[in-house]
Amino acid sequence: MEGQLQIEDLEVGEGKAVVKGALITTQYTGFLADGSKFDSSWDKGRPFQCVIGTGRVIKGWDIGLMGMRVGGKRKLWVPAELAYGDRQVGKLIAPGSDLSFEIELLEVLTRDD
């Protein structure tokens, strides 16, 4: 992956765009470098919400979701240093793991809303 975040829009949305500090609602699936799934909001039966751009999620999400629009689907390839770095996370994510995510953006709420 060469240490760089890679972004691919699978479907471009037409709704509100993600900006720093927005509360976003997504559905996502996360994969290890070998393609095996390690997490999914779909499997949990509920969307995932977070405030973006403020360090509350991995850096790859904070950077990679900026500008994405509601209704869009995006794939992120996140190098380890923009994911969990040298930390072990749970039983599946080993230190130094590159990750990828398929993310569907459902909602963006900002202070203006």
N, C-alpha and C. Protein backbone atom coordinates (compact mmCIF):
# COMPACT_ATOMS: atom_id res chain seq x y z
N MET A 1 0.83 -1.20 0.00
CA MET A 1 0.00 0.00 0.00
C MET A 1 0.87 1.25 0.00
N GLU A 2 2.12 1.10 0.31
CA GLU A 2 3.10 2.17 0.23
C GLU A 2 2.80 3.36 1.14
N GLY A 3 2.10 3.13 2.24
CA GLY A 3 1.89 4.16 3.22
C GLY A 3 0.97 5.30 2.83
N GLN A 4 0.23 5.14 1.75
CA GLN A 4 -0.66 6.21 1.32
C GLN A 4 -2.11 5.76 1.38
N LEU A 5 -2.95 6.67 1.84
CA LEU A 5 -4.39 6.44 1.82
C LEU A 5 -4.86 6.46 0.38
N GLN A 6 -5.66 5.46 0.02
CA GLN A 6 -6.24 5.42 -1.32
C GLN A 6 -7.75 5.49 -1.19
N ILE A 7 -8.36 6.29 -2.06
CA ILE A 7 -9.80 6.54 -2.02
C ILE A 7 -10.39 6.24 -3.38
N GLU A 8 -11.49 5.48 -3.37
CA GLU A 8 -12.22 5.22 -4.62
C GLU A 8 -13.70 5.43 -4.37
N ASP A 9 -14.31 6.34 -5.13
CA ASP A 9 -15.75 6.52 -5.04
C ASP A 9 -16.42 5.43 -5.87
N LEU A 10 -17.18 4.57 -5.19
CA LEU A 10 -17.92 3.51 -5.87
C LEU A 10 -19.22 4.06 -6.42
N GLU A 11 -19.76 5.03 -5.70
CA GLU A 11 -20.99 5.71 -6.10
C GLU A 11 -20.90 7.12 -5.52
N VAL A 12 -21.08 8.13 -6.35
CA VAL A 12 -20.98 9.51 -5.88
C VAL A 12 -22.36 9.94 -5.39
N GLY A 13 -22.42 10.42 -4.15
CA GLY A 13 -23.67 10.89 -3.59
C GLY A 13 -23.99 12.30 -4.05
N GLU A 14 -25.23 12.71 -3.82
CA GLU A 14 -25.66 14.05 -4.21
C GLU A 14 -26.12 14.87 -3.03
N GLY A 15 -26.02 14.31 -1.82
CA GLY A 15 -26.47 15.02 -0.63
C GLY A 15 -25.39 15.89 -0.03
N LYS A 16 -25.58 16.21 1.24
CA LYS A 16 -24.67 17.07 1.99
C LYS A 16 -23.28 16.44 2.09
N ALA A 17 -22.24 17.27 2.03
CA ALA A 17 -20.86 16.79 2.06
C ALA A 17 -20.34 16.73 3.49
N VAL A 18 -19.43 15.78 3.72
CA VAL A 18 -18.75 15.65 5.01
C VAL A 18 -17.77 16.80 5.18
N VAL A 19 -17.85 17.46 6.35
CA VAL A 19 -16.91 18.52 6.72
C VAL A 19 -16.39 18.23 8.12
N LYS A 20 -15.27 18.82 8.46
CA LYS A 20 -14.68 18.63 9.79
C LYS A 20 -15.68 19.00 10.88
N GLY A 21 -15.83 18.11 11.86
CA GLY A 21 -16.72 18.35 12.99
C GLY A 21 -18.14 17.88 12.78
N ALA A 22 -18.46 17.37 11.60
CA ALA A 22 -19.82 16.88 11.33
C ALA A 22 -20.06 15.54 12.03
N LEU A 23 -21.30 15.33 12.44
CA LEU A 23 -21.73 14.02 12.93
C LEU A 23 -22.21 13.25 11.72
N ILE A 24 -21.53 12.14 11.43
CA ILE A 24 -21.91 11.36 10.25
C ILE A 24 -22.50 10.02 10.67
N THR A 25 -23.40 9.52 9.82
CA THR A 25 -23.98 8.20 10.01
C THR A 25 -23.63 7.38 8.79
N THR A 26 -23.04 6.21 9.02
CA THR A 26 -22.57 5.36 7.93
C THR A 26 -22.98 3.91 8.16
N GLN A 27 -22.92 3.14 7.10
CA GLN A 27 -22.87 1.69 7.16
C GLN A 27 -21.53 1.33 6.55
N TYR A 28 -20.83 0.38 7.15
CA TYR A 28 -19.48 0.06 6.64
C TYR A 28 -19.16 -1.40 6.89
N THR A 29 -18.19 -1.87 6.13
CA THR A 29 -17.55 -3.16 6.37
C THR A 29 -16.06 -2.93 6.30
N GLY A 30 -15.33 -3.48 7.28
CA GLY A 30 -13.89 -3.35 7.33
C GLY A 30 -13.22 -4.67 7.01
N PHE A 31 -12.12 -4.60 6.24
CA PHE A 31 -11.41 -5.80 5.79
C PHE A 31 -9.93 -5.71 6.14
N LEU A 32 -9.34 -6.84 6.44
CA LEU A 32 -7.89 -6.94 6.60
C LEU A 32 -7.26 -7.01 5.22
N ALA A 33 -5.94 -6.89 5.16
CA ALA A 33 -5.23 -6.90 3.88
C ALA A 33 -5.47 -8.18 3.09
N ASP A 34 -5.73 -9.30 3.78
CA ASP A 34 -5.97 -10.57 3.07
C ASP A 34 -7.40 -10.70 2.56
N GLY A 35 -8.22 -9.64 2.77
CA GLY A 35 -9.59 -9.65 2.28
C GLY A 35 -10.62 -10.18 3.27
N SER A 36 -10.17 -10.66 4.42
CA SER A 36 -11.13 -11.17 5.40
C SER A 36 -11.78 -10.02 6.17
N LYS A 37 -13.07 -10.17 6.44
CA LYS A 37 -13.84 -9.13 7.14
C LYS A 37 -13.50 -9.16 8.62
N PHE A 38 -13.27 -7.98 9.22
CA PHE A 38 -13.03 -7.93 10.67
C PHE A 38 -14.14 -7.20 11.41
N ASP A 39 -14.96 -6.42 10.70
CA ASP A 39 -16.02 -5.67 11.38
C ASP A 39 -17.02 -5.20 10.34
N SER A 40 -18.28 -5.03 10.79
CA SER A 40 -19.31 -4.53 9.89
C SER A 40 -20.49 -4.00 10.68
N SER A 41 -20.87 -2.76 10.38
CA SER A 41 -22.07 -2.21 11.01
C SER A 41 -23.30 -2.95 10.49
N TRP A 42 -23.25 -3.43 9.25
CA TRP A 42 -24.36 -4.20 8.69
C TRP A 42 -24.63 -5.43 9.56
N ASP A 43 -23.55 -6.13 9.94
CA ASP A 43 -23.69 -7.34 10.75
C ASP A 43 -24.24 -7.03 12.14
N LYS A 44 -23.94 -5.83 12.63
CA LYS A 44 -24.42 -5.43 13.96
C LYS A 44 -25.88 -4.97 13.92
N GLY A 45 -26.40 -4.75 12.71
CA GLY A 45 -27.80 -4.38 12.56
C GLY A 45 -28.11 -2.92 12.84
N ARG A 46 -27.06 -2.08 12.89
CA ARG A 46 -27.30 -0.65 13.11
C ARG A 46 -26.17 0.17 12.48
N PRO A 47 -26.51 1.36 12.00
CA PRO A 47 -25.49 2.23 11.43
C PRO A 47 -24.50 2.70 12.49
N PHE A 48 -23.35 3.16 12.03
CA PHE A 48 -22.29 3.68 12.89
C PHE A 48 -22.28 5.20 12.79
N GLN A 49 -22.23 5.88 13.94
CA GLN A 49 -22.15 7.33 13.97
C GLN A 49 -20.84 7.77 14.61
N CYS A 50 -20.29 8.85 14.10
CA CYS A 50 -19.09 9.43 14.70
C CYS A 50 -18.98 10.88 14.27
N VAL A 51 -18.20 11.63 15.04
CA VAL A 51 -17.84 12.99 14.64
C VAL A 51 -16.53 12.86 13.86
N ILE A 52 -16.51 13.46 12.69
CA ILE A 52 -15.39 13.25 11.76
C ILE A 52 -14.43 14.44 11.77
N GLY A 53 -13.16 14.14 11.58
CA GLY A 53 -12.15 15.19 11.47
C GLY A 53 -11.62 15.69 12.79
N THR A 54 -11.94 15.00 13.89
CA THR A 54 -11.54 15.47 15.21
C THR A 54 -10.77 14.41 16.00
N GLY A 55 -10.31 13.36 15.33
CA GLY A 55 -9.51 12.34 16.00
C GLY A 55 -10.30 11.31 16.79
N ARG A 56 -11.60 11.23 16.56
CA ARG A 56 -12.42 10.25 17.29
C ARG A 56 -12.49 8.90 16.59
N VAL A 57 -12.06 8.88 15.33
CA VAL A 57 -11.95 7.63 14.57
C VAL A 57 -10.54 7.57 14.01
N ILE A 58 -10.21 6.48 13.33
CA ILE A 58 -8.87 6.39 12.76
C ILE A 58 -8.62 7.52 11.75
N LYS A 59 -7.37 7.89 11.64
CA LYS A 59 -6.99 9.00 10.76
C LYS A 59 -7.41 8.76 9.31
N GLY A 60 -7.36 7.51 8.88
CA GLY A 60 -7.77 7.19 7.51
C GLY A 60 -9.21 7.58 7.23
N TRP A 61 -10.08 7.43 8.23
CA TRP A 61 -11.48 7.88 8.08
C TRP A 61 -11.55 9.40 8.13
N ASP A 62 -10.85 10.00 9.10
CA ASP A 62 -10.88 11.46 9.23
C ASP A 62 -10.48 12.15 7.93
N ILE A 63 -9.50 11.60 7.26
CA ILE A 63 -9.02 12.18 6.01
C ILE A 63 -9.86 11.70 4.83
N GLY A 64 -10.10 10.40 4.78
CA GLY A 64 -10.70 9.78 3.60
C GLY A 64 -12.17 10.04 3.36
N LEU A 65 -12.89 10.51 4.38
CA LEU A 65 -14.32 10.76 4.20
C LEU A 65 -14.63 12.22 3.94
N MET A 66 -13.65 13.10 4.09
CA MET A 66 -13.88 14.53 3.82
C MET A 66 -14.37 14.72 2.39
N GLY A 67 -15.42 15.50 2.25
CA GLY A 67 -15.96 15.81 0.93
C GLY A 67 -16.92 14.77 0.38
N MET A 68 -16.97 13.59 1.00
CA MET A 68 -17.92 12.57 0.56
C MET A 68 -19.34 13.10 0.77
N ARG A 69 -20.26 12.75 -0.14
CA ARG A 69 -21.64 13.25 -0.06
C ARG A 69 -22.62 12.15 0.32
N VAL A 70 -23.66 12.56 1.05
CA VAL A 70 -24.71 11.62 1.46
C VAL A 70 -25.25 10.90 0.22
N GLY A 71 -25.44 9.60 0.38
CA GLY A 71 -25.90 8.76 -0.72
C GLY A 71 -24.75 8.09 -1.45
N GLY A 72 -23.53 8.51 -1.13
CA GLY A 72 -22.36 7.96 -1.79
C GLY A 72 -21.84 6.70 -1.12
N LYS A 73 -21.06 5.96 -1.89
CA LYS A 73 -20.35 4.78 -1.39
C LYS A 73 -18.90 4.94 -1.76
N ARG A 74 -18.03 4.66 -0.79
CA ARG A 74 -16.59 4.90 -0.99
C ARG A 74 -15.81 3.73 -0.43
N LYS A 75 -14.72 3.42 -1.10
CA LYS A 75 -13.78 2.42 -0.60
C LYS A 75 -12.50 3.15 -0.19
N LEU A 76 -12.03 2.82 1.01
CA LEU A 76 -10.77 3.38 1.51
C LEU A 76 -9.77 2.26 1.73
N TRP A 77 -8.55 2.44 1.27
CA TRP A 77 -7.44 1.56 1.60
C TRP A 77 -6.57 2.35 2.57
N VAL A 78 -6.50 1.89 3.81
CA VAL A 78 -5.87 2.66 4.88
C VAL A 78 -4.59 1.96 5.33
N PRO A 79 -3.44 2.61 5.13
CA PRO A 79 -2.19 2.01 5.62
C PRO A 79 -2.19 2.00 7.15
N ALA A 80 -1.42 1.10 7.72
CA ALA A 80 -1.39 0.90 9.17
C ALA A 80 -1.19 2.21 9.94
N GLU A 81 -0.31 3.08 9.45
CA GLU A 81 -0.03 4.31 10.20
C GLU A 81 -1.22 5.26 10.25
N LEU A 82 -2.20 5.09 9.35
CA LEU A 82 -3.42 5.90 9.40
C LEU A 82 -4.60 5.10 9.97
N ALA A 83 -4.29 3.88 10.44
CA ALA A 83 -5.30 3.03 11.07
C ALA A 83 -4.95 2.91 12.55
N TYR A 84 -4.48 1.75 12.97
CA TYR A 84 -4.16 1.53 14.39
C TYR A 84 -2.67 1.44 14.66
N GLY A 85 -1.84 1.66 13.65
CA GLY A 85 -0.40 1.67 13.83
C GLY A 85 0.13 0.37 14.39
N ASP A 86 0.91 0.46 15.45
CA ASP A 86 1.55 -0.71 16.04
C ASP A 86 0.72 -1.34 17.17
N ARG A 87 -0.55 -0.95 17.28
CA ARG A 87 -1.41 -1.49 18.34
C ARG A 87 -2.16 -2.72 17.87
N GLN A 88 -2.32 -3.67 18.75
CA GLN A 88 -3.21 -4.81 18.54
C GLN A 88 -4.61 -4.33 18.88
N VAL A 89 -5.59 -4.59 18.01
CA VAL A 89 -6.97 -4.18 18.27
C VAL A 89 -7.84 -5.42 18.20
N GLY A 90 -8.39 -5.79 19.35
CA GLY A 90 -9.19 -7.00 19.41
C GLY A 90 -8.33 -8.20 19.08
N LYS A 91 -8.97 -9.25 18.61
CA LYS A 91 -8.24 -10.48 18.27
C LYS A 91 -7.82 -10.51 16.80
N LEU A 92 -8.46 -9.68 15.97
CA LEU A 92 -8.25 -9.80 14.53
C LEU A 92 -7.25 -8.83 13.93
N ILE A 93 -7.15 -7.63 14.50
CA ILE A 93 -6.28 -6.62 13.90
C ILE A 93 -4.91 -6.64 14.59
N ALA A 94 -3.93 -7.19 13.90
CA ALA A 94 -2.57 -7.29 14.43
C ALA A 94 -1.86 -5.95 14.29
N PRO A 95 -0.82 -5.72 15.09
CA PRO A 95 -0.02 -4.50 14.92
C PRO A 95 0.50 -4.40 13.48
N GLY A 96 0.48 -3.19 12.94
CA GLY A 96 1.00 -2.96 11.59
C GLY A 96 0.05 -3.36 10.48
N SER A 97 -1.24 -3.55 10.79
CA SER A 97 -2.20 -4.01 9.77
C SER A 97 -2.69 -2.88 8.87
N ASP A 98 -2.59 -3.10 7.56
CA ASP A 98 -3.26 -2.25 6.58
C ASP A 98 -4.70 -2.72 6.52
N LEU A 99 -5.63 -1.78 6.37
CA LEU A 99 -7.05 -2.11 6.38
C LEU A 99 -7.74 -1.49 5.17
N SER A 100 -8.90 -2.02 4.83
CA SER A 100 -9.74 -1.37 3.82
C SER A 100 -11.17 -1.35 4.33
N PHE A 101 -11.93 -0.38 3.85
CA PHE A 101 -13.32 -0.20 4.27
C PHE A 101 -14.18 0.11 3.07
N GLU A 102 -15.38 -0.44 3.07
CA GLU A 102 -16.42 -0.04 2.14
C GLU A 102 -17.46 0.69 2.97
N ILE A 103 -17.71 1.95 2.62
CA ILE A 103 -18.52 2.83 3.46
C ILE A 103 -19.64 3.44 2.64
N GLU A 104 -20.84 3.40 3.21
CA GLU A 104 -21.99 4.08 2.62
C GLU A 104 -22.37 5.21 3.55
N LEU A 105 -22.44 6.43 3.03
CA LEU A 105 -22.76 7.60 3.85
C LEU A 105 -24.26 7.85 3.85
N LEU A 106 -24.86 7.75 5.03
CA LEU A 106 -26.31 7.89 5.17
C LEU A 106 -26.76 9.30 5.56
N GLU A 107 -25.96 9.98 6.41
CA GLU A 107 -26.38 11.30 6.91
C GLU A 107 -25.17 12.10 7.36
N VAL A 108 -25.28 13.41 7.19
CA VAL A 108 -24.28 14.36 7.68
C VAL A 108 -25.03 15.45 8.44
N LEU A 109 -24.69 15.63 9.71
CA LEU A 109 -25.29 16.71 10.50
C LEU A 109 -24.18 17.65 10.94
N THR A 110 -24.43 18.96 10.75
CA THR A 110 -23.47 19.97 11.18
C THR A 110 -24.18 20.91 12.15
N ARG A 111 -23.42 21.81 12.73
CA ARG A 111 -24.00 22.75 13.70
C ARG A 111 -25.10 23.61 13.08
N ASP A 112 -25.09 23.75 11.77
CA ASP A 112 -26.10 24.55 11.07
C ASP A 112 -27.47 23.86 11.06
N ASP A 113 -27.48 22.55 11.27
CA ASP A 113 -28.75 21.79 11.18
C ASP A 113 -29.60 21.96 12.41
